[in-house]
Amino acid sequence: MVVLGLVTTKSTYRETAEELTARIKEATRYIPKERLAISPQCGFSTSIVGNRITESDERYKLGVLVETAQAVWG
């Protein structure tokens, strides 16, 4: 298995399902889709001072991961 950390936890940039799907498709050039998974790049609180990201941003980012996984893998 290869887990693609496609969603940044360091900024408020909101990735879209379309962007993530395109990156997954790119990865399938090297690894079969059945061996891929997606996740955030790391945790949302990876330093003592935290990141400048709101709970709303975090929920969106987790939601777009779920949306993308359902669209790609069913």
Protein backbone atom coordinates (compact mmCIF):
# COMPACT_ATOMS: atom_id res chain seq x y z
CA MET A 1 0.00 0.00 0.00
CA VAL A 2 1.04 3.55 -0.72
CA VAL A 3 -0.68 6.37 1.14
CA LEU A 4 -0.69 9.68 -0.72
CA GLY A 5 -0.64 12.66 1.66
CA LEU A 6 -2.54 14.96 -0.68
CA VAL A 7 -4.13 17.45 1.72
CA THR A 8 -2.00 20.04 3.47
CA THR A 9 -2.51 20.53 7.18
CA LYS A 10 -0.29 23.59 7.30
CA SER A 11 -2.40 26.13 5.43
CA THR A 12 -5.99 27.09 4.85
CA TYR A 13 -5.78 26.25 1.13
CA ARG A 14 -8.86 24.16 0.33
CA GLU A 15 -8.08 21.36 -2.05
CA THR A 16 -10.91 20.14 -4.26
CA ALA A 17 -12.03 16.60 -5.01
CA GLU A 18 -11.14 17.25 -8.65
CA GLU A 19 -7.56 18.19 -7.74
CA LEU A 20 -7.15 15.15 -5.54
CA THR A 21 -8.64 12.83 -8.16
CA ALA A 22 -6.20 14.16 -10.76
CA ARG A 23 -3.26 13.51 -8.42
CA ILE A 24 -4.49 9.98 -7.74
CA LYS A 25 -4.79 9.40 -11.48
CA GLU A 26 -1.23 10.61 -11.91
CA ALA A 27 -0.04 8.16 -9.22
CA THR A 28 -1.75 5.27 -11.02
CA ARG A 29 0.84 5.65 -13.76
CA TYR A 30 3.20 3.95 -11.29
CA ILE A 31 1.04 2.05 -8.81
CA PRO A 32 -2.33 0.33 -9.33
CA LYS A 33 -5.29 2.21 -7.86
CA GLU A 34 -6.09 -0.78 -5.62
CA ARG A 35 -2.77 -0.25 -3.84
CA LEU A 36 -3.30 3.47 -3.20
CA ALA A 37 -4.91 5.36 -0.33
CA ILE A 38 -5.22 9.06 0.52
CA SER A 39 -4.78 11.04 3.71
CA PRO A 40 -3.72 14.43 5.02
CA GLN A 41 0.02 15.02 4.77
CA CYS A 42 0.29 14.72 8.57
CA GLY A 43 -1.62 15.76 11.70
CA PHE A 44 -3.41 19.07 12.08
CA SER A 45 -1.42 20.00 15.18
CA THR A 46 2.18 19.11 14.49
CA SER A 47 3.90 21.76 16.58
CA ILE A 48 3.48 23.19 20.05
CA VAL A 49 2.05 26.44 18.65
CA GLY A 50 -0.20 24.64 16.18
CA ASN A 51 -1.05 25.75 12.68
CA ARG A 52 -3.08 28.75 11.54
CA ILE A 53 -6.01 26.65 10.44
CA THR A 54 -9.55 26.71 11.79
CA GLU A 55 -11.72 23.81 12.84
CA SER A 56 -13.91 24.62 9.84
CA ASP A 57 -10.88 24.24 7.54
CA GLU A 58 -10.01 20.93 9.18
CA ARG A 59 -13.55 19.61 8.72
CA TYR A 60 -13.56 20.70 5.08
CA LYS A 61 -10.22 19.02 4.40
CA LEU A 62 -11.32 15.74 6.01
CA GLY A 63 -14.61 15.93 4.13
CA VAL A 64 -12.90 16.40 0.77
CA LEU A 65 -10.77 13.34 1.50
CA VAL A 66 -13.90 11.27 2.16
CA GLU A 67 -15.65 12.68 -0.92
CA THR A 68 -12.65 11.87 -3.11
CA ALA A 69 -12.19 8.37 -1.70
CA GLN A 70 -15.85 7.57 -2.34
CA ALA A 71 -15.63 8.87 -5.90
CA VAL A 72 -12.39 7.03 -6.73
CA TRP A 73 -12.82 3.75 -4.84
CA GLY A 74 -16.59 3.63 -4.29
